[in-house]
Amino acid sequence: MADNRKQTRLREFQANLAERLRIAATSAQDSNSKLGVRIGERRWLIDLAEAGEILSVPGLARVPLTVEWYRGLANVRGNLLSVVDLQQFAGLAATPLDKDSRLLAFNIRLQFNGAILVSRMMGLRNVRQMELQETALPEPVWVGQSYQDNEGEFWTELLLGQLIVDEGFLRVGRHLAA
């Protein structure tokens, strides 16, 4: 019985978050709101105009001769999405799949049929309520500004529009030695 209540609350949370995302994405005045996600231990902020649908992780079909961070293809209502483990792409350990894992699809406006594997959805965050942080280390072009929230947590902007044009991100084929 407790599991059913948890599943119901999770569905309600997801439906509420999806509705808030839809409203926020259509509202020009809410440009300071970002979607907060956790990938591994890192917290990311994603522009609502670049974020698409949030999905439970379906079965993924591995694609032969692809790099490890390319987790495979997901069939979502007849559409194939390329699924990428961003943490593994960045050279870290693979993102484990568990009950909180989700896929965050790229917004259709980006014209890229893909999704990133997310450890946990963290809801909407307002960057106006955060303190901008200086970054000392060079980051890839798809990593934006860093912030610290009022609870001391660090957040980094994930620029999906920049990620999908990154040459390394687009190179999913494994290079075989001749």
Protein backbone atom coordinates (compact mmCIF):
# COMPACT_ATOMS: atom_id res chain seq x y z
CA MET A 1 0.00 0.00 0.00
CA ALA A 2 2.85 2.40 0.83
CA ASP A 3 4.43 1.71 -2.59
CA ASN A 4 1.16 2.66 -4.31
CA ARG A 5 1.06 5.96 -2.40
CA LYS A 6 4.68 6.68 -3.38
CA GLN A 7 3.92 5.94 -7.02
CA THR A 8 0.84 8.16 -6.91
CA ARG A 9 2.80 11.02 -5.31
CA LEU A 10 5.57 10.58 -7.90
CA ARG A 11 3.05 10.71 -10.75
CA GLU A 12 1.42 13.79 -9.22
CA PHE A 13 4.83 15.47 -8.82
CA GLN A 14 5.74 14.68 -12.42
CA ALA A 15 2.41 15.94 -13.74
CA ASN A 16 2.69 19.12 -11.67
CA LEU A 17 6.28 19.71 -12.79
CA ALA A 18 5.38 19.09 -16.45
CA GLU A 19 2.54 21.62 -16.20
CA ARG A 20 4.77 24.18 -14.48
CA LEU A 21 7.43 23.66 -17.16
CA ARG A 22 4.85 24.14 -19.91
CA ILE A 23 3.59 27.36 -18.33
CA ALA A 24 7.08 28.67 -17.60
CA ALA A 25 8.30 27.89 -21.11
CA THR A 26 5.47 29.94 -22.63
CA SER A 27 5.93 32.83 -20.19
CA ALA A 28 8.51 35.41 -21.27
CA GLN A 29 8.55 36.96 -17.80
CA ASP A 30 9.88 33.78 -16.20
CA SER A 31 13.20 33.78 -18.08
CA ASN A 32 15.10 33.47 -14.78
CA SER A 33 13.54 30.07 -14.05
CA LYS A 34 15.64 27.08 -15.02
CA LEU A 35 14.97 23.39 -14.77
CA GLY A 36 17.13 21.88 -12.04
CA VAL A 37 18.43 18.35 -12.54
CA ARG A 38 21.07 16.21 -10.94
CA ILE A 39 23.36 14.11 -13.10
CA GLY A 40 25.52 11.99 -10.84
CA GLU A 41 26.49 14.30 -7.99
CA ARG A 42 26.47 17.49 -10.06
CA ARG A 43 23.50 19.88 -10.14
CA TRP A 44 22.64 21.44 -13.48
CA LEU A 45 20.36 24.29 -14.58
CA ILE A 46 18.73 23.97 -17.99
CA ASP A 47 17.00 26.73 -19.91
CA LEU A 48 13.31 25.88 -20.26
CA ALA A 49 13.41 26.81 -23.95
CA GLU A 50 15.96 24.02 -24.51
CA ALA A 51 14.32 21.39 -22.29
CA GLY A 52 11.77 19.05 -23.73
CA GLU A 53 9.75 16.21 -22.30
CA ILE A 54 10.69 14.44 -19.06
CA LEU A 55 10.36 10.68 -19.38
CA SER A 56 10.76 7.60 -17.27
CA VAL A 57 13.68 5.59 -18.60
CA PRO A 58 12.30 3.02 -21.03
CA GLY A 59 14.20 0.02 -22.28
CA LEU A 60 17.24 1.22 -24.18
CA ALA A 61 18.43 -0.57 -27.30
CA ARG A 62 22.23 -0.59 -27.44
CA VAL A 63 23.69 0.37 -30.78
CA PRO A 64 26.71 -1.69 -31.86
CA LEU A 65 30.03 0.06 -32.41
CA THR A 66 29.14 3.15 -30.40
CA VAL A 67 31.03 4.75 -27.53
CA GLU A 68 30.08 3.74 -23.97
CA TRP A 69 28.47 7.08 -23.08
CA TYR A 70 26.01 6.63 -25.94
CA ARG A 71 23.51 4.54 -23.98
CA GLY A 72 21.39 3.63 -26.99
CA LEU A 73 18.02 4.34 -28.52
CA ALA A 74 14.70 4.78 -26.75
CA ASN A 75 11.41 4.30 -28.54
CA VAL A 76 9.07 7.02 -27.25
CA ARG A 77 5.64 6.75 -28.84
CA GLY A 78 7.15 5.62 -32.13
CA ASN A 79 9.95 8.21 -32.17
CA LEU A 80 13.54 7.14 -31.65
CA LEU A 81 15.60 9.23 -29.23
CA SER A 82 19.37 8.96 -28.92
CA VAL A 83 20.16 8.63 -25.21
CA VAL A 84 23.42 10.01 -23.86
CA ASP A 85 24.97 9.65 -20.43
CA LEU A 86 26.35 13.18 -20.02
CA GLN A 87 28.33 12.23 -16.92
CA GLN A 88 30.11 9.46 -18.78
CA PHE A 89 30.60 11.77 -21.80
CA ALA A 90 32.41 14.16 -19.42
CA GLY A 91 34.82 11.35 -18.49
CA LEU A 92 33.23 10.26 -15.20
CA ALA A 93 31.59 7.01 -14.12
CA ALA A 94 28.38 5.91 -15.82
CA THR A 95 25.17 7.30 -14.36
CA PRO A 96 23.42 4.45 -12.54
CA LEU A 97 19.79 3.76 -13.40
CA ASP A 98 17.41 3.71 -10.46
CA LYS A 99 13.84 4.70 -9.56
CA ASP A 100 14.66 8.43 -9.72
CA SER A 101 16.37 8.25 -13.14
CA ARG A 102 14.72 10.11 -15.98
CA LEU A 103 15.36 11.06 -19.55
CA LEU A 104 15.28 14.74 -20.41
CA ALA A 105 14.51 15.08 -24.10
CA PHE A 106 15.87 18.01 -26.05
CA ASN A 107 13.25 20.59 -27.00
CA ILE A 108 11.88 20.03 -30.50
CA ARG A 109 13.07 23.56 -31.38
CA LEU A 110 16.67 22.31 -31.17
CA GLN A 111 15.92 19.84 -34.00
CA PHE A 112 17.84 17.04 -32.30
CA ASN A 113 16.10 13.75 -31.50
CA GLY A 114 17.91 13.01 -28.29
CA ALA A 115 17.78 12.91 -24.54
CA ILE A 116 20.21 12.99 -21.66
CA LEU A 117 20.13 10.60 -18.75
CA VAL A 118 19.28 12.42 -15.51
CA SER A 119 19.81 10.99 -12.03
CA ARG A 120 17.05 13.06 -10.49
CA MET A 121 14.71 15.92 -11.36
CA MET A 122 15.13 18.81 -8.93
CA GLY A 123 12.32 21.11 -10.09
CA LEU A 124 12.39 24.74 -11.14
CA ARG A 125 15.08 27.07 -9.82
CA ASN A 126 15.26 30.86 -10.02
CA VAL A 127 18.78 32.07 -10.80
CA ARG A 128 17.92 35.52 -9.42
CA GLN A 129 17.84 33.93 -5.99
CA MET A 130 21.34 32.50 -6.47
CA GLU A 131 24.80 33.99 -6.30
CA LEU A 132 26.90 33.92 -9.46
CA GLN A 133 30.21 32.09 -8.93
CA GLU A 134 33.55 32.60 -10.61
CA THR A 135 34.93 29.53 -12.35
CA ALA A 136 38.68 29.06 -12.34
CA LEU A 137 38.90 25.99 -14.55
CA PRO A 138 38.14 26.07 -18.27
CA GLU A 139 34.92 24.24 -19.12
CA PRO A 140 33.55 22.93 -22.42
CA VAL A 141 31.39 25.40 -24.39
CA TRP A 142 28.23 23.57 -23.30
CA VAL A 143 28.91 24.43 -19.65
CA GLY A 144 27.58 27.86 -18.71
CA GLN A 145 27.74 29.97 -15.59
CA SER A 146 27.90 28.56 -12.07
CA TYR A 147 25.74 29.60 -9.15
CA GLN A 148 25.37 28.92 -5.45
CA ASP A 149 21.89 28.78 -3.95
CA ASN A 150 20.86 29.96 -0.48
CA GLU A 151 21.34 26.41 0.88
CA GLY A 152 25.00 26.37 -0.19
CA GLU A 153 24.48 24.03 -3.16
CA PHE A 154 26.34 24.70 -6.41
CA TRP A 155 24.56 24.69 -9.75
CA THR A 156 25.96 24.94 -13.28
CA GLU A 157 24.15 25.90 -16.46
CA LEU A 158 23.97 23.14 -19.04
CA LEU A 159 23.66 24.69 -22.50
CA LEU A 160 21.89 22.02 -24.55
CA GLY A 161 22.04 24.13 -27.72
CA GLN A 162 25.84 24.19 -27.42
CA LEU A 163 26.04 20.51 -26.45
CA ILE A 164 24.35 19.31 -29.63
CA VAL A 165 26.88 21.09 -31.84
CA ASP A 166 29.92 19.89 -29.88
CA GLU A 167 32.01 17.78 -32.26
CA GLY A 168 32.85 15.22 -29.57
CA PHE A 169 29.20 14.86 -28.60
CA LEU A 170 28.20 14.16 -32.18
CA ARG A 171 30.90 11.51 -32.64
CA VAL A 172 29.19 8.45 -31.15
CA GLY A 173 30.83 5.84 -33.39
CA ARG A 174 33.60 3.80 -31.78
CA HIS A 175 36.86 4.05 -33.70
CA LEU A 176 38.15 0.61 -34.49
CA ALA A 177 41.83 -0.11 -34.96
CA ALA A 178 42.65 -1.29 -38.47
